[in-house]
């Protein structure tokens, strides 16, 4: 027997018992998986963005979840109910620029357990509008309640800081003329007073760059 042939024989027969056992175990596992009944189910998948530019922002109300109809082995589908293998839709935002963009939802961008496949997605497409991000300083406007209730009126108002930085989609930030504080109740005040309150920006797409808290100093006079 030539050396190559002898080498091949040794390769096949070396640890033959373990190799045979591995083959039997693999076959048993395959039989278990193959015998699992295939079922269908529905699950809600969250939408995740990938590679979105830091200079772009969503300026339209986003679709955040997709209803998926899926089929697969019952043991794989059972994990969807307890959240251990929850599916997700991954949208690749690389190359996205300003304007509207439509994304198709399908097997290519859905992450799910092995052996489970997507039958259909509802909705099957999602559309988003993107804008450049804008940062801008706007004045803080103080809101008072019960002014004059006890014969005293607010005078000598000072706000620190007088302006707050906001950011968000360009068109929405441009429309914000000022931000209002939470109401300051002055119904029982009779002299100088200082309070700390939070400001609020009404547009949910616009956010504060840092803390929204301001200090309001004022005096009550008759």
C-alpha atoms as a PDB file:
ATOM      1  CA  UNK A   1       0.000   0.000   0.000  1.00  0.00           C
ATOM      2  CA  UNK A   2       1.414   3.382  -0.990  1.00  0.00           C
ATOM      3  CA  UNK A   3       2.157   5.965   1.644  1.00  0.00           C
ATOM      4  CA  UNK A   4      -0.722   8.307   0.622  1.00  0.00           C
ATOM      5  CA  UNK A   5      -3.191   5.448   0.767  1.00  0.00           C
ATOM      6  CA  UNK A   6      -1.899   4.360   4.176  1.00  0.00           C
ATOM      7  CA  UNK A   7      -2.171   7.957   5.409  1.00  0.00           C
ATOM      8  CA  UNK A   8      -5.785   8.202   4.248  1.00  0.00           C
ATOM      9  CA  UNK A   9      -6.628   4.909   5.982  1.00  0.00           C
ATOM     10  CA  UNK A  10      -5.136   6.104   9.258  1.00  0.00           C
ATOM     11  CA  UNK A  11      -7.082   9.362   8.939  1.00  0.00           C
ATOM     12  CA  UNK A  12     -10.356   7.479   8.608  1.00  0.00           C
ATOM     13  CA  UNK A  13      -9.726   4.863  11.288  1.00  0.00           C
ATOM     14  CA  UNK A  14      -8.049   7.108  13.896  1.00  0.00           C
ATOM     15  CA  UNK A  15     -10.459   7.567  16.855  1.00  0.00           C
ATOM     16  CA  UNK A  16     -13.091   5.747  14.829  1.00  0.00           C
ATOM     17  CA  UNK A  17     -15.289   5.212  17.875  1.00  0.00           C
ATOM     18  CA  UNK A  18     -15.518   8.910  18.684  1.00  0.00           C
ATOM     19  CA  UNK A  19     -16.136   9.795  15.067  1.00  0.00           C
ATOM     20  CA  UNK A  20     -18.950   7.264  14.854  1.00  0.00           C
ATOM     21  CA  UNK A  21     -20.472   8.578  18.086  1.00  0.00           C
ATOM     22  CA  UNK A  22     -20.331  12.163  16.776  1.00  0.00           C
ATOM     23  CA  UNK A  23     -22.061  11.063  13.599  1.00  0.00           C
ATOM     24  CA  UNK A  24     -24.822   9.335  15.567  1.00  0.00           C
ATOM     25  CA  UNK A  25     -25.362  12.394  17.816  1.00  0.00           C
ATOM     26  CA  UNK A  26     -25.475  14.736  14.819  1.00  0.00           C
ATOM     27  CA  UNK A  27     -27.996  12.474  13.107  1.00  0.00           C
ATOM     28  CA  UNK A  28     -30.137  12.341  16.264  1.00  0.00           C
ATOM     29  CA  UNK A  29     -30.158  16.120  16.563  1.00  0.00           C
ATOM     30  CA  UNK A  30     -31.085  16.455  12.897  1.00  0.00           C
ATOM     31  CA  UNK A  31     -33.938  13.999  13.392  1.00  0.00           C
ATOM     32  CA  UNK A  32     -35.250  15.953  16.381  1.00  0.00           C
ATOM     33  CA  UNK A  33     -35.190  19.230  14.471  1.00  0.00           C
ATOM     34  CA  UNK A  34     -36.656  17.699  11.339  1.00  0.00           C
ATOM     35  CA  UNK A  35     -39.482  16.125  13.330  1.00  0.00           C
ATOM     36  CA  UNK A  36     -40.484  19.460  14.908  1.00  0.00           C
ATOM     37  CA  UNK A  37     -43.810  20.581  13.442  1.00  0.00           C
ATOM     38  CA  UNK A  38     -43.645  23.843  11.490  1.00  0.00           C
ATOM     39  CA  UNK A  39     -45.979  26.492  12.851  1.00  0.00           C
ATOM     40  CA  UNK A  40     -46.942  30.072  12.019  1.00  0.00           C
ATOM     41  CA  UNK A  41     -47.132  32.997  14.413  1.00  0.00           C
ATOM     42  CA  UNK A  42     -47.202  36.775  14.571  1.00  0.00           C
ATOM     43  CA  UNK A  43     -44.750  38.955  16.476  1.00  0.00           C
ATOM     44  CA  UNK A  44     -44.060  42.662  16.751  1.00  0.00           C
ATOM     45  CA  UNK A  45     -40.541  43.650  15.754  1.00  0.00           C
ATOM     46  CA  UNK A  46     -38.895  46.923  16.719  1.00  0.00           C
ATOM     47  CA  UNK A  47     -37.162  49.001  14.043  1.00  0.00           C
ATOM     48  CA  UNK A  48     -33.480  49.761  14.551  1.00  0.00           C
ATOM     49  CA  UNK A  49     -31.402  52.228  12.554  1.00  0.00           C
ATOM     50  CA  UNK A  50     -27.900  51.368  11.434  1.00  0.00           C
ATOM     51  CA  UNK A  51     -25.221  53.839  10.230  1.00  0.00           C
ATOM     52  CA  UNK A  52     -27.395  56.981  10.425  1.00  0.00           C
ATOM     53  CA  UNK A  53     -25.308  60.145  10.039  1.00  0.00           C
ATOM     54  CA  UNK A  54     -24.934  62.314  13.162  1.00  0.00           C
ATOM     55  CA  UNK A  55     -25.914  65.348  11.051  1.00  0.00           C
ATOM     56  CA  UNK A  56     -29.319  63.947  10.061  1.00  0.00           C
ATOM     57  CA  UNK A  57     -32.541  63.849  12.070  1.00  0.00           C
ATOM     58  CA  UNK A  58     -35.987  62.352  11.581  1.00  0.00           C
ATOM     59  CA  UNK A  59     -38.525  65.113  10.969  1.00  0.00           C
ATOM     60  CA  UNK A  60     -41.632  62.958  10.473  1.00  0.00           C
ATOM     61  CA  UNK A  61     -43.471  60.782  12.964  1.00  0.00           C
ATOM     62  CA  UNK A  62     -41.638  57.463  12.615  1.00  0.00           C
ATOM     63  CA  UNK A  63     -43.051  53.975  12.314  1.00  0.00           C
ATOM     64  CA  UNK A  64     -41.316  52.208  15.203  1.00  0.00           C
ATOM     65  CA  UNK A  65     -42.691  48.644  15.031  1.00  0.00           C
ATOM     66  CA  UNK A  66     -43.558  46.115  12.336  1.00  0.00           C
ATOM     67  CA  UNK A  67     -45.983  43.169  12.593  1.00  0.00           C
ATOM     68  CA  UNK A  68     -44.300  40.052  11.214  1.00  0.00           C
ATOM     69  CA  UNK A  69     -45.933  36.781  10.186  1.00  0.00           C
ATOM     70  CA  UNK A  70     -43.347  34.022  10.609  1.00  0.00           C
ATOM     71  CA  UNK A  71     -43.051  30.278  10.133  1.00  0.00           C
ATOM     72  CA  UNK A  72     -40.635  27.834  11.662  1.00  0.00           C
ATOM     73  CA  UNK A  73     -40.111  24.949  14.107  1.00  0.00           C
ATOM     74  CA  UNK A  74     -42.310  25.164  17.183  1.00  0.00           C
ATOM     75  CA  UNK A  75     -39.344  25.164  19.579  1.00  0.00           C
ATOM     76  CA  UNK A  76     -37.879  28.223  17.824  1.00  0.00           C
ATOM     77  CA  UNK A  77     -41.176  30.105  17.712  1.00  0.00           C
ATOM     78  CA  UNK A  78     -41.785  29.463  21.415  1.00  0.00           C
ATOM     79  CA  UNK A  79     -38.779  31.651  22.270  1.00  0.00           C
ATOM     80  CA  UNK A  80     -40.472  34.641  20.645  1.00  0.00           C
ATOM     81  CA  UNK A  81     -43.113  34.765  23.347  1.00  0.00           C
ATOM     82  CA  UNK A  82     -40.738  35.127  26.289  1.00  0.00           C
ATOM     83  CA  UNK A  83     -38.622  37.823  24.624  1.00  0.00           C
ATOM     84  CA  UNK A  84     -35.416  35.767  24.580  1.00  0.00           C
ATOM     85  CA  UNK A  85     -35.287  35.711  20.768  1.00  0.00           C
ATOM     86  CA  UNK A  86     -37.316  38.743  19.815  1.00  0.00           C
ATOM     87  CA  UNK A  87     -37.026  39.679  16.114  1.00  0.00           C
ATOM     88  CA  UNK A  88     -35.872  43.113  14.970  1.00  0.00           C
ATOM     89  CA  UNK A  89     -35.962  45.041  11.692  1.00  0.00           C
ATOM     90  CA  UNK A  90     -32.537  46.534  10.876  1.00  0.00           C
ATOM     91  CA  UNK A  91     -32.641  49.483   8.450  1.00  0.00           C
ATOM     92  CA  UNK A  92     -29.322  50.475   6.914  1.00  0.00           C
ATOM     93  CA  UNK A  93     -29.116  54.297   6.804  1.00  0.00           C
ATOM     94  CA  UNK A  94     -25.706  54.475   5.129  1.00  0.00           C
ATOM     95  CA  UNK A  95     -25.846  56.993   2.276  1.00  0.00           C
ATOM     96  CA  UNK A  96     -29.174  58.501   3.352  1.00  0.00           C
ATOM     97  CA  UNK A  97     -29.413  62.263   2.648  1.00  0.00           C
ATOM     98  CA  UNK A  98     -31.994  65.004   3.266  1.00  0.00           C
ATOM     99  CA  UNK A  99     -35.515  64.335   2.009  1.00  0.00           C
ATOM    100  CA  UNK A 100     -37.873  61.356   2.015  1.00  0.00           C
ATOM    101  CA  UNK A 101     -36.675  57.764   1.868  1.00  0.00           C
ATOM    102  CA  UNK A 102     -38.727  54.563   1.607  1.00  0.00           C
ATOM    103  CA  UNK A 103     -37.459  51.246   3.003  1.00  0.00           C
ATOM    104  CA  UNK A 104     -38.850  47.815   2.111  1.00  0.00           C
ATOM    105  CA  UNK A 105     -39.279  45.327   4.956  1.00  0.00           C
ATOM    106  CA  UNK A 106     -38.333  41.776   4.042  1.00  0.00           C
ATOM    107  CA  UNK A 107     -36.221  38.748   4.994  1.00  0.00           C
ATOM    108  CA  UNK A 108     -33.028  40.607   4.098  1.00  0.00           C
ATOM    109  CA  UNK A 109     -33.356  43.158   6.902  1.00  0.00           C
ATOM    110  CA  UNK A 110     -35.144  41.160   9.610  1.00  0.00           C
ATOM    111  CA  UNK A 111     -33.094  39.577  12.408  1.00  0.00           C
ATOM    112  CA  UNK A 112     -34.730  36.435  13.770  1.00  0.00           C
ATOM    113  CA  UNK A 113     -33.919  33.016  15.242  1.00  0.00           C
ATOM    114  CA  UNK A 114     -32.290  30.427  12.983  1.00  0.00           C
ATOM    115  CA  UNK A 115     -34.782  28.264  11.155  1.00  0.00           C
ATOM    116  CA  UNK A 116     -37.547  30.905  11.263  1.00  0.00           C
ATOM    117  CA  UNK A 117     -38.524  32.726   8.081  1.00  0.00           C
ATOM    118  CA  UNK A 118     -40.631  35.801   7.323  1.00  0.00           C
ATOM    119  CA  UNK A 119     -43.876  35.203   5.438  1.00  0.00           C
ATOM    120  CA  UNK A 120     -44.982  38.845   5.310  1.00  0.00           C
ATOM    121  CA  UNK A 121     -44.488  42.158   7.085  1.00  0.00           C
ATOM    122  CA  UNK A 122     -47.170  44.733   7.924  1.00  0.00           C
ATOM    123  CA  UNK A 123     -46.529  47.398   6.806  1.00  0.00           C
ATOM    124  CA  UNK A 124     -44.269  46.105   4.050  1.00  0.00           C
ATOM    125  CA  UNK A 125     -42.687  49.538   3.551  1.00  0.00           C
ATOM    126  CA  UNK A 126     -41.867  52.469   5.811  1.00  0.00           C
ATOM    127  CA  UNK A 127     -41.111  56.036   4.774  1.00  0.00           C
ATOM    128  CA  UNK A 128     -39.145  58.600   6.745  1.00  0.00           C
ATOM    129  CA  UNK A 129     -38.294  62.237   6.161  1.00  0.00           C
ATOM    130  CA  UNK A 130     -34.802  63.376   7.092  1.00  0.00           C
ATOM    131  CA  UNK A 131     -33.463  66.870   7.730  1.00  0.00           C
ATOM    132  CA  UNK A 132     -30.201  68.432   8.751  1.00  0.00           C
ATOM    133  CA  UNK A 133     -29.708  68.919  12.483  1.00  0.00           C
ATOM    134  CA  UNK A 134     -29.774  72.488  13.829  1.00  0.00           C
ATOM    135  CA  UNK A 135     -28.636  73.884  17.191  1.00  0.00           C
ATOM    136  CA  UNK A 136     -30.022  77.257  18.283  1.00  0.00           C
ATOM    137  CA  UNK A 137     -30.358  79.415  21.422  1.00  0.00           C
ATOM    138  CA  UNK A 138     -33.889  80.610  22.279  1.00  0.00           C
ATOM    139  CA  UNK A 139     -35.118  82.868  25.117  1.00  0.00           C
ATOM    140  CA  UNK A 140     -36.812  81.478  28.221  1.00  0.00           C
ATOM    141  CA  UNK A 141     -40.284  82.824  29.019  1.00  0.00           C
ATOM    142  CA  UNK A 142     -41.495  82.521  32.616  1.00  0.00           C
ATOM    143  CA  UNK A 143     -45.088  81.521  33.327  1.00  0.00           C
ATOM    144  CA  UNK A 144     -46.647  82.802  36.559  1.00  0.00           C
ATOM    145  CA  UNK A 145     -49.922  81.740  38.179  1.00  0.00           C
ATOM    146  CA  UNK A 146     -52.084  83.542  40.770  1.00  0.00           C
ATOM    147  CA  UNK A 147     -50.379  86.881  40.095  1.00  0.00           C
ATOM    148  CA  UNK A 148     -52.241  89.610  42.037  1.00  0.00           C
ATOM    149  CA  UNK A 149     -54.214  87.126  44.116  1.00  0.00           C
ATOM    150  CA  UNK A 150     -53.073  88.622  47.436  1.00  0.00           C
ATOM    151  CA  UNK A 151     -52.725  92.176  46.180  1.00  0.00           C
ATOM    152  CA  UNK A 152     -49.108  91.716  45.081  1.00  0.00           C
ATOM    153  CA  UNK A 153     -47.869  91.629  41.506  1.00  0.00           C
ATOM    154  CA  UNK A 154     -44.705  90.248  39.939  1.00  0.00           C
ATOM    155  CA  UNK A 155     -41.949  92.789  39.265  1.00  0.00           C
ATOM    156  CA  UNK A 156     -38.218  92.726  38.559  1.00  0.00           C
ATOM    157  CA  UNK A 157     -38.012  89.347  36.806  1.00  0.00           C
ATOM    158  CA  UNK A 158     -34.610  87.790  36.127  1.00  0.00           C
ATOM    159  CA  UNK A 159     -33.973  84.408  34.503  1.00  0.00           C
ATOM    160  CA  UNK A 160     -30.644  82.574  34.646  1.00  0.00           C
ATOM    161  CA  UNK A 161     -29.706  81.493  32.078  1.00  0.00           C
ATOM    162  CA  UNK A 162     -31.911  83.758  29.951  1.00  0.00           C
ATOM    163  CA  UNK A 163     -31.546  81.451  26.917  1.00  0.00           C
ATOM    164  CA  UNK A 164     -31.345  77.695  26.418  1.00  0.00           C
ATOM    165  CA  UNK A 165     -29.797  75.700  23.585  1.00  0.00           C
ATOM    166  CA  UNK A 166     -32.177  73.473  21.631  1.00  0.00           C
ATOM    167  CA  UNK A 167     -31.508  71.051  18.778  1.00  0.00           C
ATOM    168  CA  UNK A 168     -33.452  68.944  16.334  1.00  0.00           C
ATOM    169  CA  UNK A 169     -34.567  68.895  12.685  1.00  0.00           C
ATOM    170  CA  UNK A 170     -33.770  72.223  11.043  1.00  0.00           C
ATOM    171  CA  UNK A 171     -37.316  73.246  10.090  1.00  0.00           C
ATOM    172  CA  UNK A 172     -38.745  72.412  13.510  1.00  0.00           C
ATOM    173  CA  UNK A 173     -36.014  74.177  15.487  1.00  0.00           C
ATOM    174  CA  UNK A 174     -36.431  77.277  13.291  1.00  0.00           C
ATOM    175  CA  UNK A 175     -40.112  77.511  14.292  1.00  0.00           C
ATOM    176  CA  UNK A 176     -39.408  77.632  18.047  1.00  0.00           C
ATOM    177  CA  UNK A 177     -39.475  81.286  19.141  1.00  0.00           C
ATOM    178  CA  UNK A 178     -39.069  80.631  22.882  1.00  0.00           C
ATOM    179  CA  UNK A 179     -39.429  77.969  25.567  1.00  0.00           C
ATOM    180  CA  UNK A 180     -41.779  78.304  28.557  1.00  0.00           C
ATOM    181  CA  UNK A 181     -41.082  77.361  32.152  1.00  0.00           C
ATOM    182  CA  UNK A 182     -43.350  75.276  34.312  1.00  0.00           C
ATOM    183  CA  UNK A 183     -45.894  77.540  36.072  1.00  0.00           C
ATOM    184  CA  UNK A 184     -44.519  79.482  39.054  1.00  0.00           C
ATOM    185  CA  UNK A 185     -47.199  79.984  41.729  1.00  0.00           C
ATOM    186  CA  UNK A 186     -46.859  83.467  43.263  1.00  0.00           C
ATOM    187  CA  UNK A 187     -50.198  83.484  45.097  1.00  0.00           C
ATOM    188  CA  UNK A 188     -48.563  83.570  48.551  1.00  0.00           C
ATOM    189  CA  UNK A 189     -45.396  85.557  47.736  1.00  0.00           C
ATOM    190  CA  UNK A 190     -45.016  89.068  49.199  1.00  0.00           C
ATOM    191  CA  UNK A 191     -41.369  89.964  48.578  1.00  0.00           C
ATOM    192  CA  UNK A 192     -38.206  88.836  46.784  1.00  0.00           C
ATOM    193  CA  UNK A 193     -38.147  85.169  45.824  1.00  0.00           C
ATOM    194  CA  UNK A 194     -35.987  82.745  43.867  1.00  0.00           C
ATOM    195  CA  UNK A 195     -37.134  79.421  42.460  1.00  0.00           C
ATOM    196  CA  UNK A 196     -35.705  76.752  40.174  1.00  0.00           C
ATOM    197  CA  UNK A 197     -38.019  75.413  37.484  1.00  0.00           C
ATOM    198  CA  UNK A 198     -37.789  73.400  34.303  1.00  0.00           C
ATOM    199  CA  UNK A 199     -38.464  74.756  30.855  1.00  0.00           C
ATOM    200  CA  UNK A 200     -40.394  72.863  28.208  1.00  0.00           C
ATOM    201  CA  UNK A 201     -40.230  72.835  24.422  1.00  0.00           C
ATOM    202  CA  UNK A 202     -43.564  71.877  22.902  1.00  0.00           C
ATOM    203  CA  UNK A 203     -42.285  70.108  19.770  1.00  0.00           C
ATOM    204  CA  UNK A 204     -41.462  66.467  20.577  1.00  0.00           C
ATOM    205  CA  UNK A 205     -38.827  66.427  17.816  1.00  0.00           C
ATOM    206  CA  UNK A 206     -36.874  69.254  19.496  1.00  0.00           C
ATOM    207  CA  UNK A 207     -34.747  68.670  22.594  1.00  0.00           C
ATOM    208  CA  UNK A 208     -32.531  70.643  24.959  1.00  0.00           C
ATOM    209  CA  UNK A 209     -28.795  70.380  24.459  1.00  0.00           C
ATOM    210  CA  UNK A 210     -28.199  70.260  28.224  1.00  0.00           C
ATOM    211  CA  UNK A 211     -30.221  70.867  31.390  1.00  0.00           C
ATOM    212  CA  UNK A 212     -33.626  72.478  30.935  1.00  0.00           C
ATOM    213  CA  UNK A 213     -33.623  73.918  34.459  1.00  0.00           C
ATOM    214  CA  UNK A 214     -33.431  77.686  35.039  1.00  0.00           C
ATOM    215  CA  UNK A 215     -33.387  79.957  38.097  1.00  0.00           C
ATOM    216  CA  UNK A 216     -36.140  82.596  38.252  1.00  0.00           C
ATOM    217  CA  UNK A 217     -35.668  85.587  40.573  1.00  0.00           C
ATOM    218  CA  UNK A 218     -38.487  88.094  41.069  1.00  0.00           C
ATOM    219  CA  UNK A 219     -39.970  90.615  43.467  1.00  0.00           C
ATOM    220  CA  UNK A 220     -43.619  91.049  44.471  1.00  0.00           C
ATOM    221  CA  UNK A 221     -44.969  94.561  44.781  1.00  0.00           C
ATOM    222  CA  UNK A 222     -48.385  96.063  45.581  1.00  0.00           C
END
